[in-house]
Amino acid sequence: MIKQILSEIIINQYMPVLKKCPLFKGLDSPELKSYLQNAKVIIQSYKKNDFIAISGDPMEGIGVILEGSAMLTRENVLGQRVIMANLESSAMFGEALLFSKLPLWPATIKAMKPSKIMFIPLETFIETLPDCHQCQTKILSNLLEDLSEKALLLTRKVHYLTLKGMREKIFAYFTDLHTIQHSETLLLPHNREQMAEVLNVSRTALSRELGRLRDEGIIDISGKTVTLLELEEIMEFGFNN
């Protein structure tokens, strides 16, 4: 991969997407443009189903999705694929590895549609860039905040695994979405197969239990929309309970 200084045309093209990225939160357009005109980054294009990164490969830098979407997965000891995250435009990934002594991708990242990714190497964070001291400080602060949030998310995933029953896992999942979306009517970020992988359960058993919850009047479900009818019962198994 070749590191490059981005042209003003490319910077302007992706400015709206980059300003939504958590890494650049709080930076105004001149600050972000100044950073990108001094930082050497890598831009790669991928077709649908191409591998952006494969577990065990060397890491080139933090990835930011400029176009398209991707899925981050990992296989467990039984060879079962577990979805770790769904990544959409302006999302970033790989930040936990940035300062690692052994920066190897711990999971596989696959393009779900034609995608374009910007990789930001370590040196752009630790070397002083001309006229960018203030914006570099903001970027590092944003990086630390994002790492804290993702550490909490990982703890939530571990929480799913500690719950033994199917119903308890589903309730914990719904509770997390309720906390994020602030609504009793949830838009599921995963389809049924992906949800099963997130909870580490079989798709058949998951669908059967969701049907029971609907029949018992605890939830109403239609496609990827779920209404929590018995919120108090569902939230009993939330992460903070």
C-alpha atoms as a PDB file:
ATOM      1  CA  MET A   1       0.000   0.000   0.000  1.00  0.00           C
ATOM      2  CA  ILE A   2       1.299   3.440  -0.964  1.00  0.00           C
ATOM      3  CA  LYS A   3       1.077   6.344   1.468  1.00  0.00           C
ATOM      4  CA  GLN A   4       0.005   9.620  -0.098  1.00  0.00           C
ATOM      5  CA  ILE A   5      -0.905  13.226   0.607  1.00  0.00           C
ATOM      6  CA  LEU A   6      -4.520  13.694  -0.425  1.00  0.00           C
ATOM      7  CA  SER A   7      -5.345  16.183  -3.138  1.00  0.00           C
ATOM      8  CA  GLU A   8      -7.738  19.020  -2.382  1.00  0.00           C
ATOM      9  CA  ILE A   9     -10.251  17.453  -4.787  1.00  0.00           C
ATOM     10  CA  ILE A  10     -10.321  14.175  -2.822  1.00  0.00           C
ATOM     11  CA  ILE A  11     -10.428  16.005   0.518  1.00  0.00           C
ATOM     12  CA  ASN A  12     -13.408  18.094  -0.597  1.00  0.00           C
ATOM     13  CA  GLN A  13     -15.130  15.009  -2.029  1.00  0.00           C
ATOM     14  CA  TYR A  14     -14.997  13.123   1.270  1.00  0.00           C
ATOM     15  CA  MET A  15     -15.147  16.043   3.708  1.00  0.00           C
ATOM     16  CA  PRO A  16     -18.838  15.419   4.683  1.00  0.00           C
ATOM     17  CA  VAL A  17     -18.092  11.739   5.425  1.00  0.00           C
ATOM     18  CA  LEU A  18     -14.878  12.458   7.332  1.00  0.00           C
ATOM     19  CA  LYS A  19     -16.522  15.102   9.521  1.00  0.00           C
ATOM     20  CA  LYS A  20     -18.968  12.392  10.717  1.00  0.00           C
ATOM     21  CA  CYS A  21     -16.115  10.066  11.706  1.00  0.00           C
ATOM     22  CA  PRO A  22     -15.624   9.866  15.508  1.00  0.00           C
ATOM     23  CA  LEU A  23     -11.890  10.408  15.019  1.00  0.00           C
ATOM     24  CA  PHE A  24     -12.459  13.910  13.639  1.00  0.00           C
ATOM     25  CA  LYS A  25     -15.274  15.012  15.956  1.00  0.00           C
ATOM     26  CA  GLY A  26     -15.096  18.710  16.803  1.00  0.00           C
ATOM     27  CA  LEU A  27     -12.714  19.615  13.990  1.00  0.00           C
ATOM     28  CA  ASP A  28     -13.909  22.329  11.644  1.00  0.00           C
ATOM     29  CA  SER A  29     -13.345  22.052   7.894  1.00  0.00           C
ATOM     30  CA  PRO A  30     -10.124  24.146   7.798  1.00  0.00           C
ATOM     31  CA  GLU A  31      -8.567  22.098  10.643  1.00  0.00           C
ATOM     32  CA  LEU A  32      -9.461  18.778   9.030  1.00  0.00           C
ATOM     33  CA  LYS A  33      -8.260  19.956   5.627  1.00  0.00           C
ATOM     34  CA  SER A  34      -4.966  21.099   7.140  1.00  0.00           C
ATOM     35  CA  TYR A  35      -4.493  17.710   8.799  1.00  0.00           C
ATOM     36  CA  LEU A  36      -5.253  15.751   5.625  1.00  0.00           C
ATOM     37  CA  GLN A  37      -2.984  17.975   3.543  1.00  0.00           C
ATOM     38  CA  ASN A  38      -0.066  17.080   5.827  1.00  0.00           C
ATOM     39  CA  ALA A  39      -0.766  13.496   6.897  1.00  0.00           C
ATOM     40  CA  LYS A  40       0.324  10.688   4.592  1.00  0.00           C
ATOM     41  CA  VAL A  41      -2.543   8.205   4.372  1.00  0.00           C
ATOM     42  CA  ILE A  42      -3.485   5.179   2.265  1.00  0.00           C
ATOM     43  CA  ILE A  43      -6.672   4.896   0.199  1.00  0.00           C
ATOM     44  CA  GLN A  44      -7.771   1.476  -1.059  1.00  0.00           C
ATOM     45  CA  SER A  45     -10.801   0.398  -3.104  1.00  0.00           C
ATOM     46  CA  TYR A  46     -12.572  -2.946  -2.590  1.00  0.00           C
ATOM     47  CA  LYS A  47     -15.254  -4.855  -4.464  1.00  0.00           C
ATOM     48  CA  LYS A  48     -18.199  -6.489  -2.710  1.00  0.00           C
ATOM     49  CA  ASN A  49     -17.040  -9.535  -0.679  1.00  0.00           C
ATOM     50  CA  ASP A  50     -13.369  -8.523  -0.921  1.00  0.00           C
ATOM     51  CA  PHE A  51     -11.371  -8.921   2.281  1.00  0.00           C
ATOM     52  CA  ILE A  52     -10.256  -5.570   3.657  1.00  0.00           C
ATOM     53  CA  ALA A  53      -8.223  -7.290   6.361  1.00  0.00           C
ATOM     54  CA  ILE A  54      -7.645 -10.925   7.326  1.00  0.00           C
ATOM     55  CA  SER A  55      -7.011 -12.062  10.871  1.00  0.00           C
ATOM     56  CA  GLY A  56      -3.259 -12.298  11.496  1.00  0.00           C
ATOM     57  CA  ASP A  57      -2.240  -9.887   8.717  1.00  0.00           C
ATOM     58  CA  PRO A  58      -0.123  -6.803   9.559  1.00  0.00           C
ATOM     59  CA  MET A  59      -2.102  -3.645  10.260  1.00  0.00           C
ATOM     60  CA  GLU A  60      -1.415  -0.610   8.059  1.00  0.00           C
ATOM     61  CA  GLY A  61      -3.223   1.910  10.257  1.00  0.00           C
ATOM     62  CA  ILE A  62      -6.647   2.962  11.505  1.00  0.00           C
ATOM     63  CA  GLY A  63      -9.268   2.405   8.821  1.00  0.00           C
ATOM     64  CA  VAL A  64     -12.011   4.918   7.981  1.00  0.00           C
ATOM     65  CA  ILE A  65     -14.805   3.933   5.593  1.00  0.00           C
ATOM     66  CA  LEU A  66     -15.172   6.613   2.935  1.00  0.00           C
ATOM     67  CA  GLU A  67     -17.671   4.677   0.822  1.00  0.00           C
ATOM     68  CA  GLY A  68     -19.584   1.414   1.235  1.00  0.00           C
ATOM     69  CA  SER A  69     -19.829  -0.812   4.309  1.00  0.00           C
ATOM     70  CA  ALA A  70     -18.008  -3.715   5.946  1.00  0.00           C
ATOM     71  CA  MET A  71     -18.462  -6.447   8.525  1.00  0.00           C
ATOM     72  CA  LEU A  72     -15.922  -7.366  11.192  1.00  0.00           C
ATOM     73  CA  THR A  73     -16.020 -11.058  12.129  1.00  0.00           C
ATOM     74  CA  ARG A  74     -14.000 -13.582  14.068  1.00  0.00           C
ATOM     75  CA  GLU A  75     -14.096 -17.368  14.251  1.00  0.00           C
ATOM     76  CA  ASN A  76     -14.267 -19.099  17.618  1.00  0.00           C
ATOM     77  CA  VAL A  77     -12.462 -22.322  18.527  1.00  0.00           C
ATOM     78  CA  LEU A  78     -15.314 -24.357  16.996  1.00  0.00           C
ATOM     79  CA  GLY A  79     -14.965 -22.620  13.660  1.00  0.00           C
ATOM     80  CA  GLN A  80     -18.189 -20.660  14.100  1.00  0.00           C
ATOM     81  CA  ARG A  81     -18.244 -17.107  12.737  1.00  0.00           C
ATOM     82  CA  VAL A  82     -19.136 -14.415  15.262  1.00  0.00           C
ATOM     83  CA  ILE A  83     -20.038 -10.891  14.110  1.00  0.00           C
ATOM     84  CA  MET A  84     -18.083  -8.313  16.084  1.00  0.00           C
ATOM     85  CA  ALA A  85     -19.299  -5.160  14.328  1.00  0.00           C
ATOM     86  CA  ASN A  86     -21.094  -3.785  11.279  1.00  0.00           C
ATOM     87  CA  LEU A  87     -19.220  -0.828   9.802  1.00  0.00           C
ATOM     88  CA  GLU A  88     -20.912   1.841   7.695  1.00  0.00           C
ATOM     89  CA  SER A  89     -19.715   4.982   5.939  1.00  0.00           C
ATOM     90  CA  SER A  90     -17.620   7.246   8.255  1.00  0.00           C
ATOM     91  CA  ALA A  91     -17.007   4.398  10.740  1.00  0.00           C
ATOM     92  CA  MET A  92     -13.446   3.648  11.839  1.00  0.00           C
ATOM     93  CA  PHE A  93     -11.761   0.422  12.882  1.00  0.00           C
ATOM     94  CA  GLY A  94      -8.391  -0.841  14.101  1.00  0.00           C
ATOM     95  CA  GLU A  95      -7.780   1.901  16.651  1.00  0.00           C
ATOM     96  CA  ALA A  96      -7.143  -0.587  19.472  1.00  0.00           C
ATOM     97  CA  LEU A  97      -4.104  -1.888  17.572  1.00  0.00           C
ATOM     98  CA  LEU A  98      -2.551   1.452  16.729  1.00  0.00           C
ATOM     99  CA  PHE A  99       0.017   1.505  19.553  1.00  0.00           C
ATOM    100  CA  SER A 100       0.375  -2.265  19.881  1.00  0.00           C
ATOM    101  CA  LYS A 101       3.842  -3.826  19.842  1.00  0.00           C
ATOM    102  CA  LEU A 102       2.448  -6.521  17.543  1.00  0.00           C
ATOM    103  CA  PRO A 103      -0.089  -4.782  15.262  1.00  0.00           C
ATOM    104  CA  LEU A 104      -1.776  -7.762  13.613  1.00  0.00           C
ATOM    105  CA  TRP A 105      -5.457  -7.750  12.710  1.00  0.00           C
ATOM    106  CA  PRO A 106      -7.265  -9.874  15.356  1.00  0.00           C
ATOM    107  CA  ALA A 107     -10.361 -10.286  13.173  1.00  0.00           C
ATOM    108  CA  THR A 108     -11.400 -10.431   9.531  1.00  0.00           C
ATOM    109  CA  ILE A 109     -13.019  -7.435   7.822  1.00  0.00           C
ATOM    110  CA  LYS A 110     -15.036  -8.009   4.660  1.00  0.00           C
ATOM    111  CA  ALA A 111     -16.561  -5.445   2.276  1.00  0.00           C
ATOM    112  CA  MET A 112     -20.357  -5.872   2.161  1.00  0.00           C
ATOM    113  CA  LYS A 113     -20.621  -3.629  -0.920  1.00  0.00           C
ATOM    114  CA  PRO A 114     -18.124  -1.780  -3.142  1.00  0.00           C
ATOM    115  CA  SER A 115     -16.093   0.244  -0.648  1.00  0.00           C
ATOM    116  CA  LYS A 116     -13.291   2.750  -0.344  1.00  0.00           C
ATOM    117  CA  ILE A 117     -11.179   2.807   2.824  1.00  0.00           C
ATOM    118  CA  MET A 118      -8.690   5.368   4.116  1.00  0.00           C
ATOM    119  CA  PHE A 119      -5.950   3.945   6.367  1.00  0.00           C
ATOM    120  CA  ILE A 120      -4.204   6.391   8.727  1.00  0.00           C
ATOM    121  CA  PRO A 121      -0.742   5.107   9.771  1.00  0.00           C
ATOM    122  CA  LEU A 122       0.724   5.411  13.266  1.00  0.00           C
ATOM    123  CA  GLU A 123       3.234   8.117  12.316  1.00  0.00           C
ATOM    124  CA  THR A 124       0.473  10.628  11.577  1.00  0.00           C
ATOM    125  CA  PHE A 125      -0.462  10.442  15.274  1.00  0.00           C
ATOM    126  CA  ILE A 126       2.995  10.590  16.839  1.00  0.00           C
ATOM    127  CA  GLU A 127       4.858  12.916  14.466  1.00  0.00           C
ATOM    128  CA  THR A 128       4.233  16.656  14.645  1.00  0.00           C
ATOM    129  CA  LEU A 129       2.599  17.836  11.433  1.00  0.00           C
ATOM    130  CA  PRO A 130       3.093  21.414  10.193  1.00  0.00           C
ATOM    131  CA  ASP A 131       0.388  23.796  11.466  1.00  0.00           C
ATOM    132  CA  CYS A 132      -1.586  20.857  12.923  1.00  0.00           C
ATOM    133  CA  HIS A 133      -0.634  20.754  16.611  1.00  0.00           C
ATOM    134  CA  GLN A 134      -4.096  21.735  17.882  1.00  0.00           C
ATOM    135  CA  CYS A 135      -6.007  19.455  15.530  1.00  0.00           C
ATOM    136  CA  GLN A 136      -3.675  16.526  16.337  1.00  0.00           C
ATOM    137  CA  THR A 137      -4.450  17.045  20.033  1.00  0.00           C
ATOM    138  CA  LYS A 138      -8.181  16.940  19.291  1.00  0.00           C
ATOM    139  CA  ILE A 139      -7.772  13.810  17.181  1.00  0.00           C
ATOM    140  CA  LEU A 140      -5.855  11.998  19.938  1.00  0.00           C
ATOM    141  CA  SER A 141      -8.528  13.006  22.470  1.00  0.00           C
ATOM    142  CA  ASN A 142     -11.225  11.645  20.151  1.00  0.00           C
ATOM    143  CA  LEU A 143      -9.247   8.431  19.742  1.00  0.00           C
ATOM    144  CA  LEU A 144      -9.092   7.878  23.512  1.00  0.00           C
ATOM    145  CA  GLU A 145     -12.821   8.562  23.869  1.00  0.00           C
ATOM    146  CA  ASP A 146     -13.632   6.075  21.114  1.00  0.00           C
ATOM    147  CA  LEU A 147     -11.405   3.418  22.682  1.00  0.00           C
ATOM    148  CA  SER A 148     -13.274   3.834  25.981  1.00  0.00           C
ATOM    149  CA  GLU A 149     -16.657   3.451  24.274  1.00  0.00           C
ATOM    150  CA  LYS A 150     -15.565   0.343  22.386  1.00  0.00           C
ATOM    151  CA  ALA A 151     -14.112  -1.205  25.527  1.00  0.00           C
ATOM    152  CA  LEU A 152     -17.562  -0.832  27.081  1.00  0.00           C
ATOM    153  CA  LEU A 153     -19.160  -2.387  23.993  1.00  0.00           C
ATOM    154  CA  LEU A 154     -16.828  -5.371  24.251  1.00  0.00           C
ATOM    155  CA  THR A 155     -17.827  -5.778  27.891  1.00  0.00           C
ATOM    156  CA  ARG A 156     -21.466  -5.865  26.768  1.00  0.00           C
ATOM    157  CA  LYS A 157     -20.685  -8.657  24.294  1.00  0.00           C
ATOM    158  CA  VAL A 158     -19.050 -10.631  27.085  1.00  0.00           C
ATOM    159  CA  HIS A 159     -22.219 -10.013  29.098  1.00  0.00           C
ATOM    160  CA  TYR A 160     -24.268 -11.778  26.378  1.00  0.00           C
ATOM    161  CA  LEU A 161     -21.995 -14.793  26.645  1.00  0.00           C
ATOM    162  CA  THR A 162     -22.370 -15.001  30.426  1.00  0.00           C
ATOM    163  CA  LEU A 163     -26.162 -15.340  30.130  1.00  0.00           C
ATOM    164  CA  LYS A 164     -27.177 -18.989  29.839  1.00  0.00           C
ATOM    165  CA  GLY A 165     -30.740 -18.808  28.535  1.00  0.00           C
ATOM    166  CA  MET A 166     -31.824 -17.804  25.036  1.00  0.00           C
ATOM    167  CA  ARG A 167     -34.484 -15.449  26.391  1.00  0.00           C
ATOM    168  CA  GLU A 168     -32.019 -13.708  28.687  1.00  0.00           C
ATOM    169  CA  LYS A 169     -29.601 -13.113  25.787  1.00  0.00           C
ATOM    170  CA  ILE A 170     -32.386 -11.642  23.635  1.00  0.00           C
ATOM    171  CA  PHE A 171     -33.574  -9.409  26.472  1.00  0.00           C
ATOM    172  CA  ALA A 172     -30.019  -8.128  27.060  1.00  0.00           C
ATOM    173  CA  TYR A 173     -29.659  -7.408  23.332  1.00  0.00           C
ATOM    174  CA  PHE A 174     -32.973  -5.516  23.219  1.00  0.00           C
ATOM    175  CA  THR A 175     -32.063  -3.593  26.374  1.00  0.00           C
ATOM    176  CA  ASP A 176     -28.801  -2.388  24.829  1.00  0.00           C
ATOM    177  CA  LEU A 177     -30.653  -1.231  21.704  1.00  0.00           C
ATOM    178  CA  HIS A 178     -33.270   0.512  23.853  1.00  0.00           C
ATOM    179  CA  THR A 179     -30.496   2.375  25.683  1.00  0.00           C
ATOM    180  CA  ILE A 180     -28.916   3.462  22.390  1.00  0.00           C
ATOM    181  CA  GLN A 181     -32.095   4.302  20.445  1.00  0.00           C
ATOM    182  CA  HIS A 182     -34.105   5.737  23.376  1.00  0.00           C
ATOM    183  CA  SER A 183     -37.285   4.135  22.102  1.00  0.00           C
ATOM    184  CA  GLU A 184     -39.534   1.177  22.837  1.00  0.00           C
ATOM    185  CA  THR A 185     -39.776   0.612  19.082  1.00  0.00           C
ATOM    186  CA  LEU A 186     -36.383  -0.651  17.926  1.00  0.00           C
ATOM    187  CA  LEU A 187     -34.825  -0.836  14.486  1.00  0.00           C
ATOM    188  CA  LEU A 188     -32.638  -3.948  14.569  1.00  0.00           C
ATOM    189  CA  PRO A 189     -29.117  -3.355  13.155  1.00  0.00           C
ATOM    190  CA  HIS A 190     -28.815  -7.052  12.242  1.00  0.00           C
ATOM    191  CA  ASN A 191     -30.844  -9.552  10.234  1.00  0.00           C
ATOM    192  CA  ARG A 192     -31.845 -12.799  11.937  1.00  0.00           C
ATOM    193  CA  GLU A 193     -28.674 -14.675  10.981  1.00  0.00           C
ATOM    194  CA  GLN A 194     -26.423 -11.819  12.098  1.00  0.00           C
ATOM    195  CA  MET A 195     -28.319 -11.428  15.362  1.00  0.00           C
ATOM    196  CA  ALA A 196     -27.812 -15.131  16.051  1.00  0.00           C
ATOM    197  CA  GLU A 197     -24.074 -14.712  15.487  1.00  0.00           C
ATOM    198  CA  VAL A 198     -23.913 -11.678  17.780  1.00  0.00           C
ATOM    199  CA  LEU A 199     -25.614 -13.649  20.568  1.00  0.00           C
ATOM    200  CA  ASN A 200     -23.689 -16.840  19.741  1.00  0.00           C
ATOM    201  CA  VAL A 201     -26.845 -18.938  19.332  1.00  0.00           C
ATOM    202  CA  SER A 202     -28.398 -20.903  16.481  1.00  0.00           C
ATOM    203  CA  ARG A 203     -30.636 -19.027  14.052  1.00  0.00           C
ATOM    204  CA  THR A 204     -33.393 -21.642  14.350  1.00  0.00           C
ATOM    205  CA  ALA A 205     -33.500 -21.457  18.136  1.00  0.00           C
ATOM    206  CA  LEU A 206     -33.427 -17.653  17.996  1.00  0.00           C
ATOM    207  CA  SER A 207     -36.373 -17.482  15.590  1.00  0.00           C
ATOM    208  CA  ARG A 208     -38.330 -19.935  17.717  1.00  0.00           C
ATOM    209  CA  GLU A 209     -37.784 -17.898  20.891  1.00  0.00           C
ATOM    210  CA  LEU A 210     -38.667 -14.614  19.166  1.00  0.00           C
ATOM    211  CA  GLY A 211     -41.911 -16.265  18.056  1.00  0.00           C
ATOM    212  CA  ARG A 212     -42.667 -17.282  21.639  1.00  0.00           C
ATOM    213  CA  LEU A 213     -42.012 -13.763  22.892  1.00  0.00           C
ATOM    214  CA  ARG A 214     -44.395 -12.399  20.289  1.00  0.00           C
ATOM    215  CA  ASP A 215     -47.084 -14.968  21.131  1.00  0.00           C
ATOM    216  CA  GLU A 216     -46.760 -14.155  24.847  1.00  0.00           C
ATOM    217  CA  GLY A 217     -47.270 -10.456  24.118  1.00  0.00           C
ATOM    218  CA  ILE A 218     -43.819  -9.453  25.386  1.00  0.00           C
ATOM    219  CA  ILE A 219     -42.728  -8.043  22.023  1.00  0.00           C
ATOM    220  CA  ASP A 220     -44.227  -7.250  18.649  1.00  0.00           C
ATOM    221  CA  ILE A 221     -41.931  -7.972  15.722  1.00  0.00           C
ATOM    222  CA  SER A 222     -42.221  -7.150  12.036  1.00  0.00           C
ATOM    223  CA  GLY A 223     -39.149  -7.579   9.863  1.00  0.00           C
ATOM    224  CA  LYS A 224     -36.328  -5.611  11.488  1.00  0.00           C
ATOM    225  CA  THR A 225     -38.692  -3.570  13.699  1.00  0.00           C
ATOM    226  CA  VAL A 226     -39.345  -4.729  17.270  1.00  0.00           C
ATOM    227  CA  THR A 227     -41.695  -3.074  19.765  1.00  0.00           C
ATOM    228  CA  LEU A 228     -40.989  -3.786  23.435  1.00  0.00           C
ATOM    229  CA  LEU A 229     -44.418  -4.322  25.014  1.00  0.00           C
ATOM    230  CA  GLU A 230     -43.211  -5.507  28.441  1.00  0.00           C
ATOM    231  CA  LEU A 231     -40.234  -3.210  28.920  1.00  0.00           C
ATOM    232  CA  GLU A 232     -39.750  -3.817  32.649  1.00  0.00           C
ATOM    233  CA  GLU A 233     -39.481  -7.589  32.192  1.00  0.00           C
ATOM    234  CA  ILE A 234     -37.095  -7.218  29.255  1.00  0.00           C
ATOM    235  CA  MET A 235     -34.768  -4.762  30.984  1.00  0.00           C
ATOM    236  CA  GLU A 236     -34.256  -7.078  33.947  1.00  0.00           C
ATOM    237  CA  PHE A 237     -31.376  -8.704  32.082  1.00  0.00           C
ATOM    238  CA  GLY A 238     -29.713  -5.518  30.868  1.00  0.00           C
ATOM    239  CA  PHE A 239     -25.995  -4.929  31.197  1.00  0.00           C
ATOM    240  CA  ASN A 240     -26.367  -2.509  34.122  1.00  0.00           C
ATOM    241  CA  ASN A 241     -28.737  -4.721  36.141  1.00  0.00           C
END
